[in-house]
Amino acid sequence: MEIRQATINDALFVAKCVSMALHTNISAEELNLFAEVCRLDNVLYSYRNAIIAEIDNVPAGLCLAYDGNNYHEIRVRTFSHFPEFAKKMDFQNFEDETREGEFYIDSLAVLPEFRRRGIAQELMKAQIKRGREMGLPVATLLVDPENPNAQKLYYNLGFKYSEDIYAFGQIFWKLSMPTTT
């Protein structure tokens, strides 16, 4: 397995994996539009925020993470590219998922044919290391309370429950861990 920084040429894969992580089913046309946003620099789902795991030079999974500083402003900018989705989801009433001083792990997805090989764990470790290198003291993420497999992965990596967050129309558990461990 090789883990590498995503490039602009990976934007479609980034869009596909973020869509998987968010449990959204989108059409091929919508996926291509989403990929255009992933090609941008200063949006949440930029390819610049993603790392990719490859098996035999085939993209197998992705982990997207970023500095929580200016999250609200960047979230508004990101979802301005998706006005219908933003309107439907009522983003103005969402809590901010992250804040200054946090390294936020936004999306993690492994393609079904590559699961159960430790790819998700290696992607998470690589992003936690990246947060540490950026000097951010805490890594955070949201997990669905109904997803015990994801919870097990995150708890095994050292994350702990910190609070409930309302986003995407439901309550998520925010988990945190110091990046110095």
N, C-alpha and C. Protein backbone atom coordinates (compact mmCIF):
# COMPACT_ATOMS: atom_id res chain seq x y z
N MET A 1 0.85 -1.18 0.00
CA MET A 1 0.00 0.00 0.00
C MET A 1 0.89 1.23 0.00
N GLU A 2 0.53 2.19 -0.82
CA GLU A 2 1.20 3.47 -0.85
C GLU A 2 0.19 4.55 -0.50
N ILE A 3 0.59 5.48 0.34
CA ILE A 3 -0.26 6.63 0.67
C ILE A 3 0.42 7.86 0.09
N ARG A 4 -0.35 8.63 -0.66
CA ARG A 4 0.21 9.81 -1.32
C ARG A 4 -0.76 10.98 -1.24
N GLN A 5 -0.22 12.16 -1.43
CA GLN A 5 -1.02 13.38 -1.51
C GLN A 5 -1.84 13.33 -2.79
N ALA A 6 -3.10 13.69 -2.72
CA ALA A 6 -3.93 13.78 -3.92
C ALA A 6 -3.44 14.92 -4.80
N THR A 7 -3.68 14.78 -6.09
CA THR A 7 -3.36 15.84 -7.04
C THR A 7 -4.66 16.32 -7.68
N ILE A 8 -4.56 17.38 -8.44
CA ILE A 8 -5.75 17.90 -9.11
C ILE A 8 -6.37 16.85 -10.04
N ASN A 9 -5.55 15.96 -10.55
CA ASN A 9 -6.05 14.89 -11.42
C ASN A 9 -6.88 13.85 -10.66
N ASP A 10 -6.84 13.89 -9.34
CA ASP A 10 -7.61 12.97 -8.50
C ASP A 10 -8.97 13.54 -8.10
N ALA A 11 -9.33 14.69 -8.61
CA ALA A 11 -10.54 15.38 -8.15
C ALA A 11 -11.79 14.52 -8.26
N LEU A 12 -11.92 13.76 -9.32
CA LEU A 12 -13.10 12.90 -9.46
C LEU A 12 -13.11 11.81 -8.39
N PHE A 13 -11.96 11.23 -8.08
CA PHE A 13 -11.87 10.23 -7.02
C PHE A 13 -12.18 10.86 -5.66
N VAL A 14 -11.68 12.07 -5.44
CA VAL A 14 -11.99 12.79 -4.19
C VAL A 14 -13.50 12.97 -4.07
N ALA A 15 -14.13 13.44 -5.14
CA ALA A 15 -15.58 13.66 -5.12
C ALA A 15 -16.32 12.35 -4.83
N LYS A 16 -15.91 11.28 -5.48
CA LYS A 16 -16.55 9.98 -5.28
C LYS A 16 -16.43 9.53 -3.82
N CYS A 17 -15.23 9.65 -3.26
CA CYS A 17 -15.01 9.18 -1.88
C CYS A 17 -15.72 10.06 -0.86
N VAL A 18 -15.70 11.37 -1.05
CA VAL A 18 -16.41 12.25 -0.11
C VAL A 18 -17.90 11.95 -0.17
N SER A 19 -18.42 11.75 -1.37
CA SER A 19 -19.83 11.38 -1.51
C SER A 19 -20.13 10.08 -0.77
N MET A 20 -19.24 9.10 -0.88
CA MET A 20 -19.42 7.84 -0.14
C MET A 20 -19.41 8.09 1.36
N ALA A 21 -18.45 8.89 1.82
CA ALA A 21 -18.32 9.16 3.25
C ALA A 21 -19.56 9.87 3.80
N LEU A 22 -20.17 10.71 2.98
CA LEU A 22 -21.36 11.45 3.41
C LEU A 22 -22.65 10.66 3.17
N HIS A 23 -22.51 9.45 2.65
CA HIS A 23 -23.66 8.58 2.37
C HIS A 23 -24.68 9.27 1.46
N THR A 24 -24.16 9.95 0.43
CA THR A 24 -25.05 10.59 -0.53
C THR A 24 -24.93 9.88 -1.88
N ASN A 25 -26.06 9.60 -2.45
CA ASN A 25 -26.10 9.01 -3.78
C ASN A 25 -26.33 10.13 -4.78
N ILE A 26 -25.35 10.36 -5.64
CA ILE A 26 -25.48 11.42 -6.62
C ILE A 26 -25.28 10.85 -8.02
N SER A 27 -25.87 11.52 -8.98
CA SER A 27 -25.78 11.08 -10.37
C SER A 27 -24.37 11.32 -10.90
N ALA A 28 -24.07 10.73 -12.04
CA ALA A 28 -22.77 10.93 -12.69
C ALA A 28 -22.56 12.41 -13.01
N GLU A 29 -23.61 13.09 -13.44
CA GLU A 29 -23.50 14.52 -13.74
C GLU A 29 -23.19 15.31 -12.47
N GLU A 30 -23.89 15.01 -11.38
CA GLU A 30 -23.63 15.70 -10.11
C GLU A 30 -22.22 15.39 -9.60
N LEU A 31 -21.76 14.15 -9.79
CA LEU A 31 -20.42 13.78 -9.38
C LEU A 31 -19.37 14.58 -10.15
N ASN A 32 -19.59 14.77 -11.43
CA ASN A 32 -18.66 15.58 -12.23
C ASN A 32 -18.66 17.04 -11.79
N LEU A 33 -19.83 17.57 -11.44
CA LEU A 33 -19.89 18.94 -10.91
C LEU A 33 -19.18 19.04 -9.57
N PHE A 34 -19.36 18.04 -8.73
CA PHE A 34 -18.68 18.00 -7.44
C PHE A 34 -17.17 17.94 -7.65
N ALA A 35 -16.72 17.17 -8.63
CA ALA A 35 -15.29 17.07 -8.92
C ALA A 35 -14.71 18.43 -9.30
N GLU A 36 -15.51 19.25 -10.00
CA GLU A 36 -15.04 20.60 -10.35
C GLU A 36 -14.77 21.41 -9.08
N VAL A 37 -15.61 21.27 -8.08
CA VAL A 37 -15.39 21.96 -6.81
C VAL A 37 -14.14 21.39 -6.13
N CYS A 38 -13.94 20.09 -6.20
CA CYS A 38 -12.77 19.46 -5.58
C CYS A 38 -11.46 19.91 -6.23
N ARG A 39 -11.53 20.47 -7.42
CA ARG A 39 -10.34 21.00 -8.10
C ARG A 39 -9.96 22.38 -7.59
N LEU A 40 -10.83 23.02 -6.81
CA LEU A 40 -10.56 24.36 -6.29
C LEU A 40 -9.63 24.29 -5.09
N ASP A 41 -9.02 25.42 -4.77
CA ASP A 41 -8.06 25.45 -3.66
C ASP A 41 -8.69 25.70 -2.30
N ASN A 42 -9.51 26.71 -2.16
CA ASN A 42 -9.94 27.15 -0.84
C ASN A 42 -11.37 26.73 -0.53
N VAL A 43 -11.62 25.42 -0.64
CA VAL A 43 -12.90 24.83 -0.28
C VAL A 43 -12.62 23.62 0.61
N LEU A 44 -13.62 23.20 1.35
CA LEU A 44 -13.43 22.08 2.27
C LEU A 44 -12.97 20.81 1.56
N TYR A 45 -13.55 20.54 0.39
CA TYR A 45 -13.30 19.27 -0.29
C TYR A 45 -12.24 19.37 -1.38
N SER A 46 -11.34 20.34 -1.25
CA SER A 46 -10.25 20.48 -2.21
C SER A 46 -9.37 19.23 -2.22
N TYR A 47 -8.89 18.88 -3.40
CA TYR A 47 -7.93 17.78 -3.51
C TYR A 47 -6.71 18.03 -2.63
N ARG A 48 -6.40 19.30 -2.37
CA ARG A 48 -5.23 19.64 -1.55
C ARG A 48 -5.36 19.13 -0.11
N ASN A 49 -6.60 18.87 0.33
CA ASN A 49 -6.84 18.40 1.70
C ASN A 49 -6.88 16.88 1.79
N ALA A 50 -6.66 16.19 0.68
CA ALA A 50 -6.87 14.74 0.63
C ALA A 50 -5.58 13.97 0.44
N ILE A 51 -5.55 12.81 1.07
CA ILE A 51 -4.51 11.82 0.79
C ILE A 51 -5.22 10.57 0.28
N ILE A 52 -4.51 9.82 -0.54
CA ILE A 52 -5.09 8.65 -1.19
C ILE A 52 -4.22 7.43 -0.90
N ALA A 53 -4.87 6.32 -0.59
CA ALA A 53 -4.18 5.03 -0.47
C ALA A 53 -4.33 4.29 -1.79
N GLU A 54 -3.22 3.76 -2.27
CA GLU A 54 -3.25 2.99 -3.51
C GLU A 54 -2.76 1.57 -3.24
N ILE A 55 -3.39 0.62 -3.91
CA ILE A 55 -2.96 -0.77 -3.90
C ILE A 55 -2.61 -1.10 -5.35
N ASP A 56 -1.37 -1.48 -5.59
CA ASP A 56 -0.92 -1.77 -6.96
C ASP A 56 -1.27 -0.65 -7.93
N ASN A 57 -1.02 0.59 -7.49
CA ASN A 57 -1.25 1.80 -8.29
C ASN A 57 -2.73 2.07 -8.60
N VAL A 58 -3.62 1.44 -7.86
CA VAL A 58 -5.05 1.66 -8.03
C VAL A 58 -5.57 2.39 -6.79
N PRO A 59 -6.21 3.56 -6.94
CA PRO A 59 -6.77 4.26 -5.78
C PRO A 59 -7.78 3.38 -5.04
N ALA A 60 -7.56 3.21 -3.74
CA ALA A 60 -8.39 2.32 -2.93
C ALA A 60 -9.18 3.06 -1.87
N GLY A 61 -8.66 4.19 -1.40
CA GLY A 61 -9.34 4.93 -0.34
C GLY A 61 -8.79 6.33 -0.20
N LEU A 62 -9.48 7.11 0.60
CA LEU A 62 -9.15 8.53 0.75
C LEU A 62 -9.46 8.99 2.16
N CYS A 63 -8.64 9.90 2.64
CA CYS A 63 -8.94 10.60 3.89
C CYS A 63 -8.69 12.08 3.64
N LEU A 64 -9.70 12.89 3.93
CA LEU A 64 -9.65 14.32 3.69
C LEU A 64 -9.70 15.04 5.03
N ALA A 65 -8.72 15.93 5.27
CA ALA A 65 -8.63 16.62 6.56
C ALA A 65 -8.01 18.00 6.35
N TYR A 66 -8.26 18.90 7.32
CA TYR A 66 -7.77 20.27 7.18
C TYR A 66 -7.76 20.97 8.52
N ASP A 67 -7.08 22.11 8.55
CA ASP A 67 -7.03 23.00 9.69
C ASP A 67 -8.42 23.59 9.91
N GLY A 68 -8.92 23.54 11.13
CA GLY A 68 -10.26 24.04 11.45
C GLY A 68 -10.38 25.55 11.47
N ASN A 69 -9.27 26.26 11.36
CA ASN A 69 -9.30 27.71 11.36
C ASN A 69 -10.13 28.22 10.17
N ASN A 70 -10.98 29.18 10.39
CA ASN A 70 -11.85 29.77 9.37
C ASN A 70 -12.84 28.78 8.78
N TYR A 71 -13.17 27.74 9.53
CA TYR A 71 -14.06 26.70 9.02
C TYR A 71 -15.38 27.27 8.51
N HIS A 72 -16.04 28.12 9.32
CA HIS A 72 -17.36 28.61 8.94
C HIS A 72 -17.32 29.33 7.59
N GLU A 73 -16.36 30.22 7.44
CA GLU A 73 -16.21 30.98 6.18
C GLU A 73 -15.98 30.03 5.00
N ILE A 74 -15.13 29.05 5.18
CA ILE A 74 -14.82 28.12 4.09
C ILE A 74 -16.01 27.21 3.81
N ARG A 75 -16.75 26.83 4.84
CA ARG A 75 -17.96 26.02 4.64
C ARG A 75 -18.98 26.79 3.79
N VAL A 76 -19.19 28.06 4.11
CA VAL A 76 -20.13 28.88 3.33
C VAL A 76 -19.65 28.95 1.88
N ARG A 77 -18.35 29.19 1.67
CA ARG A 77 -17.81 29.27 0.31
C ARG A 77 -18.00 27.94 -0.41
N THR A 78 -17.72 26.84 0.26
CA THR A 78 -17.85 25.51 -0.35
C THR A 78 -19.27 25.25 -0.80
N PHE A 79 -20.22 25.45 0.09
CA PHE A 79 -21.60 25.10 -0.24
C PHE A 79 -22.29 26.14 -1.11
N SER A 80 -21.64 27.29 -1.34
CA SER A 80 -22.19 28.23 -2.32
C SER A 80 -22.11 27.64 -3.73
N HIS A 81 -21.27 26.64 -3.91
CA HIS A 81 -21.16 25.95 -5.20
C HIS A 81 -22.29 24.92 -5.39
N PHE A 82 -23.05 24.66 -4.32
CA PHE A 82 -24.14 23.68 -4.35
C PHE A 82 -25.40 24.31 -3.79
N PRO A 83 -25.94 25.35 -4.43
CA PRO A 83 -27.05 26.09 -3.83
C PRO A 83 -28.28 25.25 -3.52
N GLU A 84 -28.65 24.33 -4.39
CA GLU A 84 -29.85 23.52 -4.14
C GLU A 84 -29.65 22.59 -2.95
N PHE A 85 -28.48 21.96 -2.89
CA PHE A 85 -28.17 21.07 -1.78
C PHE A 85 -28.10 21.86 -0.47
N ALA A 86 -27.43 23.01 -0.52
CA ALA A 86 -27.31 23.84 0.69
C ALA A 86 -28.68 24.29 1.18
N LYS A 87 -29.55 24.65 0.26
CA LYS A 87 -30.91 25.09 0.64
C LYS A 87 -31.68 23.94 1.28
N LYS A 88 -31.59 22.77 0.67
CA LYS A 88 -32.29 21.59 1.18
C LYS A 88 -31.80 21.20 2.57
N MET A 89 -30.47 21.32 2.79
CA MET A 89 -29.88 20.90 4.06
C MET A 89 -29.89 22.00 5.12
N ASP A 90 -30.27 23.22 4.77
CA ASP A 90 -30.36 24.34 5.71
C ASP A 90 -29.04 24.52 6.48
N PHE A 91 -27.95 24.72 5.74
CA PHE A 91 -26.62 24.82 6.34
C PHE A 91 -26.48 25.97 7.32
N GLN A 92 -27.31 26.99 7.20
CA GLN A 92 -27.18 28.12 8.11
C GLN A 92 -27.45 27.72 9.56
N ASN A 93 -28.19 26.63 9.76
CA ASN A 93 -28.51 26.21 11.13
C ASN A 93 -27.61 25.09 11.65
N PHE A 94 -26.59 24.72 10.89
CA PHE A 94 -25.65 23.70 11.34
C PHE A 94 -24.66 24.30 12.32
N GLU A 95 -24.25 23.47 13.26
CA GLU A 95 -23.14 23.86 14.12
C GLU A 95 -21.85 23.69 13.32
N ASP A 96 -20.85 24.50 13.63
CA ASP A 96 -19.55 24.30 13.00
C ASP A 96 -18.95 23.00 13.54
N GLU A 97 -18.45 22.19 12.62
CA GLU A 97 -17.91 20.88 12.99
C GLU A 97 -16.55 20.98 13.64
N THR A 98 -15.83 22.04 13.39
CA THR A 98 -14.47 22.20 13.89
C THR A 98 -14.20 23.67 14.17
N ARG A 99 -13.05 23.94 14.75
CA ARG A 99 -12.70 25.32 15.11
C ARG A 99 -11.19 25.49 15.09
N GLU A 100 -10.75 26.72 15.30
CA GLU A 100 -9.33 27.03 15.33
C GLU A 100 -8.61 26.13 16.34
N GLY A 101 -7.42 25.69 15.99
CA GLY A 101 -6.63 24.84 16.88
C GLY A 101 -6.90 23.36 16.71
N GLU A 102 -7.82 23.02 15.81
CA GLU A 102 -8.15 21.62 15.58
C GLU A 102 -7.73 21.21 14.17
N PHE A 103 -7.29 19.99 14.03
CA PHE A 103 -7.06 19.38 12.73
C PHE A 103 -8.26 18.47 12.51
N TYR A 104 -9.12 18.85 11.56
CA TYR A 104 -10.40 18.18 11.39
C TYR A 104 -10.34 17.12 10.30
N ILE A 105 -10.64 15.91 10.66
CA ILE A 105 -10.70 14.81 9.71
C ILE A 105 -12.14 14.75 9.22
N ASP A 106 -12.33 15.24 8.01
CA ASP A 106 -13.65 15.46 7.45
C ASP A 106 -14.26 14.20 6.84
N SER A 107 -13.51 13.51 6.01
CA SER A 107 -14.07 12.38 5.26
C SER A 107 -13.06 11.25 5.16
N LEU A 108 -13.57 10.04 5.35
CA LEU A 108 -12.77 8.82 5.21
C LEU A 108 -13.61 7.83 4.44
N ALA A 109 -13.06 7.29 3.36
CA ALA A 109 -13.79 6.29 2.57
C ALA A 109 -12.80 5.33 1.93
N VAL A 110 -13.17 4.06 1.95
CA VAL A 110 -12.41 3.01 1.27
C VAL A 110 -13.38 2.31 0.33
N LEU A 111 -12.96 2.14 -0.92
CA LEU A 111 -13.81 1.46 -1.89
C LEU A 111 -14.14 0.05 -1.38
N PRO A 112 -15.38 -0.42 -1.61
CA PRO A 112 -15.81 -1.71 -1.05
C PRO A 112 -14.86 -2.87 -1.34
N GLU A 113 -14.31 -2.93 -2.54
CA GLU A 113 -13.45 -4.06 -2.88
C GLU A 113 -12.10 -4.05 -2.17
N PHE A 114 -11.78 -2.96 -1.46
CA PHE A 114 -10.51 -2.86 -0.75
C PHE A 114 -10.68 -2.84 0.78
N ARG A 115 -11.87 -3.03 1.25
CA ARG A 115 -12.11 -2.96 2.70
C ARG A 115 -11.55 -4.18 3.44
N ARG A 116 -11.37 -4.00 4.75
CA ARG A 116 -10.88 -5.04 5.65
C ARG A 116 -9.40 -5.37 5.40
N ARG A 117 -8.65 -4.36 4.96
CA ARG A 117 -7.21 -4.54 4.72
C ARG A 117 -6.37 -3.55 5.53
N GLY A 118 -7.00 -2.80 6.44
CA GLY A 118 -6.26 -1.84 7.25
C GLY A 118 -6.02 -0.50 6.57
N ILE A 119 -6.65 -0.28 5.43
CA ILE A 119 -6.43 0.95 4.68
C ILE A 119 -6.94 2.17 5.44
N ALA A 120 -8.15 2.07 6.01
CA ALA A 120 -8.72 3.20 6.75
C ALA A 120 -7.82 3.59 7.92
N GLN A 121 -7.32 2.62 8.64
CA GLN A 121 -6.45 2.90 9.78
C GLN A 121 -5.16 3.60 9.32
N GLU A 122 -4.56 3.14 8.24
CA GLU A 122 -3.33 3.76 7.75
C GLU A 122 -3.58 5.18 7.25
N LEU A 123 -4.70 5.39 6.58
CA LEU A 123 -5.05 6.75 6.15
C LEU A 123 -5.23 7.67 7.35
N MET A 124 -5.92 7.19 8.36
CA MET A 124 -6.14 8.00 9.56
C MET A 124 -4.80 8.33 10.24
N LYS A 125 -3.95 7.35 10.38
CA LYS A 125 -2.63 7.59 11.01
C LYS A 125 -1.84 8.64 10.22
N ALA A 126 -1.89 8.55 8.90
CA ALA A 126 -1.16 9.51 8.07
C ALA A 126 -1.72 10.92 8.25
N GLN A 127 -3.03 11.05 8.34
CA GLN A 127 -3.61 12.39 8.52
C GLN A 127 -3.33 12.93 9.92
N ILE A 128 -3.38 12.07 10.92
CA ILE A 128 -3.05 12.52 12.29
C ILE A 128 -1.61 13.03 12.33
N LYS A 129 -0.71 12.32 11.67
CA LYS A 129 0.69 12.76 11.59
C LYS A 129 0.77 14.11 10.89
N ARG A 130 0.00 14.29 9.83
CA ARG A 130 -0.02 15.56 9.10
C ARG A 130 -0.47 16.70 10.01
N GLY A 131 -1.52 16.46 10.81
CA GLY A 131 -1.98 17.47 11.75
C GLY A 131 -0.91 17.84 12.76
N ARG A 132 -0.20 16.84 13.23
CA ARG A 132 0.90 17.06 14.18
C ARG A 132 1.97 17.94 13.52
N GLU A 133 2.31 17.61 12.26
CA GLU A 133 3.34 18.38 11.54
C GLU A 133 2.90 19.82 11.29
N MET A 134 1.58 20.05 11.21
CA MET A 134 1.05 21.41 11.03
C MET A 134 1.01 22.17 12.34
N GLY A 135 1.33 21.51 13.46
CA GLY A 135 1.34 22.15 14.76
C GLY A 135 -0.04 22.31 15.39
N LEU A 136 -1.01 21.53 14.91
CA LEU A 136 -2.36 21.60 15.48
C LEU A 136 -2.46 20.62 16.63
N PRO A 137 -2.85 21.09 17.82
CA PRO A 137 -2.77 20.26 19.02
C PRO A 137 -3.82 19.16 19.15
N VAL A 138 -4.93 19.27 18.42
CA VAL A 138 -6.02 18.31 18.60
C VAL A 138 -6.54 17.88 17.23
N ALA A 139 -6.74 16.57 17.06
CA ALA A 139 -7.43 16.05 15.88
C ALA A 139 -8.87 15.78 16.28
N THR A 140 -9.80 16.13 15.39
CA THR A 140 -11.22 15.91 15.68
C THR A 140 -11.90 15.31 14.45
N LEU A 141 -13.05 14.73 14.68
CA LEU A 141 -13.87 14.18 13.61
C LEU A 141 -15.28 14.00 14.14
N LEU A 142 -16.21 13.78 13.23
CA LEU A 142 -17.59 13.44 13.60
C LEU A 142 -17.84 12.00 13.22
N VAL A 143 -18.60 11.31 14.05
CA VAL A 143 -18.99 9.93 13.74
C VAL A 143 -20.48 9.79 14.00
N ASP A 144 -21.11 9.03 13.15
CA ASP A 144 -22.53 8.72 13.28
C ASP A 144 -22.70 7.77 14.47
N PRO A 145 -23.57 8.11 15.43
CA PRO A 145 -23.79 7.22 16.58
C PRO A 145 -24.29 5.84 16.17
N GLU A 146 -24.78 5.71 14.94
CA GLU A 146 -25.29 4.43 14.43
C GLU A 146 -24.25 3.66 13.62
N ASN A 147 -22.99 4.05 13.70
CA ASN A 147 -21.93 3.40 12.91
C ASN A 147 -20.88 2.80 13.85
N PRO A 148 -21.15 1.61 14.40
CA PRO A 148 -20.21 1.03 15.36
C PRO A 148 -18.86 0.66 14.75
N ASN A 149 -18.81 0.32 13.47
CA ASN A 149 -17.52 -0.02 12.86
C ASN A 149 -16.58 1.19 12.83
N ALA A 150 -17.11 2.34 12.44
CA ALA A 150 -16.30 3.56 12.43
C ALA A 150 -15.90 3.94 13.86
N GLN A 151 -16.83 3.82 14.79
CA GLN A 151 -16.52 4.13 16.18
C GLN A 151 -15.35 3.27 16.68
N LYS A 152 -15.40 2.00 16.38
CA LYS A 152 -14.34 1.07 16.82
C LYS A 152 -12.99 1.52 16.27
N LEU A 153 -12.93 1.85 14.98
CA LEU A 153 -11.69 2.33 14.37
C LEU A 153 -11.17 3.56 15.10
N TYR A 154 -12.03 4.54 15.30
CA TYR A 154 -11.60 5.80 15.90
C TYR A 154 -11.19 5.62 17.37
N TYR A 155 -11.95 4.86 18.12
CA TYR A 155 -11.59 4.62 19.53
C TYR A 155 -10.26 3.86 19.63
N ASN A 156 -10.04 2.90 18.73
CA ASN A 156 -8.78 2.15 18.73
C ASN A 156 -7.59 3.04 18.40
N LEU A 157 -7.81 4.11 17.66
CA LEU A 157 -6.75 5.06 17.35
C LEU A 157 -6.50 6.05 18.48
N GLY A 158 -7.38 6.07 19.48
CA GLY A 158 -7.21 6.96 20.63
C GLY A 158 -8.16 8.12 20.72
N PHE A 159 -9.13 8.20 19.81
CA PHE A 159 -10.13 9.26 19.90
C PHE A 159 -11.07 9.00 21.05
N LYS A 160 -11.58 10.09 21.63
CA LYS A 160 -12.54 10.02 22.73
C LYS A 160 -13.71 10.96 22.44
N TYR A 161 -14.87 10.59 22.94
CA TYR A 161 -16.07 11.43 22.79
C TYR A 161 -15.84 12.77 23.46
N SER A 162 -16.24 13.86 22.76
CA SER A 162 -16.14 15.18 23.40
C SER A 162 -17.47 15.92 23.46
N GLU A 163 -18.34 15.77 22.43
CA GLU A 163 -19.62 16.48 22.46
C GLU A 163 -20.51 16.00 21.32
N ASP A 164 -21.78 16.37 21.39
CA ASP A 164 -22.71 16.14 20.29
C ASP A 164 -22.68 17.36 19.37
N ILE A 165 -22.78 17.12 18.06
CA ILE A 165 -22.82 18.20 17.07
C ILE A 165 -23.99 17.92 16.13
N TYR A 166 -24.78 18.96 15.86
CA TYR A 166 -25.87 18.84 14.91
C TYR A 166 -25.38 19.30 13.54
N ALA A 167 -25.39 18.38 12.57
CA ALA A 167 -24.97 18.69 11.21
C ALA A 167 -25.67 17.74 10.25
N PHE A 168 -25.88 18.20 9.03
CA PHE A 168 -26.51 17.38 7.99
C PHE A 168 -27.84 16.78 8.46
N GLY A 169 -28.54 17.52 9.29
CA GLY A 169 -29.87 17.11 9.71
C GLY A 169 -29.91 16.06 10.80
N GLN A 170 -28.79 15.79 11.46
CA GLN A 170 -28.80 14.80 12.53
C GLN A 170 -27.72 15.12 13.57
N ILE A 171 -27.76 14.39 14.65
CA ILE A 171 -26.75 14.52 15.70
C ILE A 171 -25.61 13.55 15.42
N PHE A 172 -24.38 14.07 15.48
CA PHE A 172 -23.17 13.25 15.38
C PHE A 172 -22.41 13.37 16.69
N TRP A 173 -21.56 12.40 16.95
CA TRP A 173 -20.64 12.49 18.08
C TRP A 173 -19.34 13.09 17.58
N LYS A 174 -18.88 14.13 18.26
CA LYS A 174 -17.57 14.68 17.94
C LYS A 174 -16.56 13.95 18.81
N LEU A 175 -15.54 13.43 18.17
CA LEU A 175 -14.46 12.74 18.86
C LEU A 175 -13.19 13.55 18.71
N SER A 176 -12.34 13.52 19.74
CA SER A 176 -11.12 14.30 19.75
C SER A 176 -9.96 13.48 20.29
N MET A 177 -8.77 13.85 19.89
CA MET A 177 -7.56 13.28 20.49
C MET A 177 -6.42 14.26 20.32
N PRO A 178 -5.51 14.28 21.30
CA PRO A 178 -4.32 15.12 21.14
C PRO A 178 -3.48 14.56 19.99
N THR A 179 -2.90 15.43 19.16
CA THR A 179 -2.07 14.95 18.06
C THR A 179 -0.65 14.64 18.55
N THR A 180 -0.39 14.85 19.83
CA THR A 180 0.95 14.58 20.35
C THR A 180 1.09 13.13 20.81
N THR A 181 0.02 12.34 20.77
CA THR A 181 0.14 10.94 21.21
C THR A 181 0.47 10.02 20.06
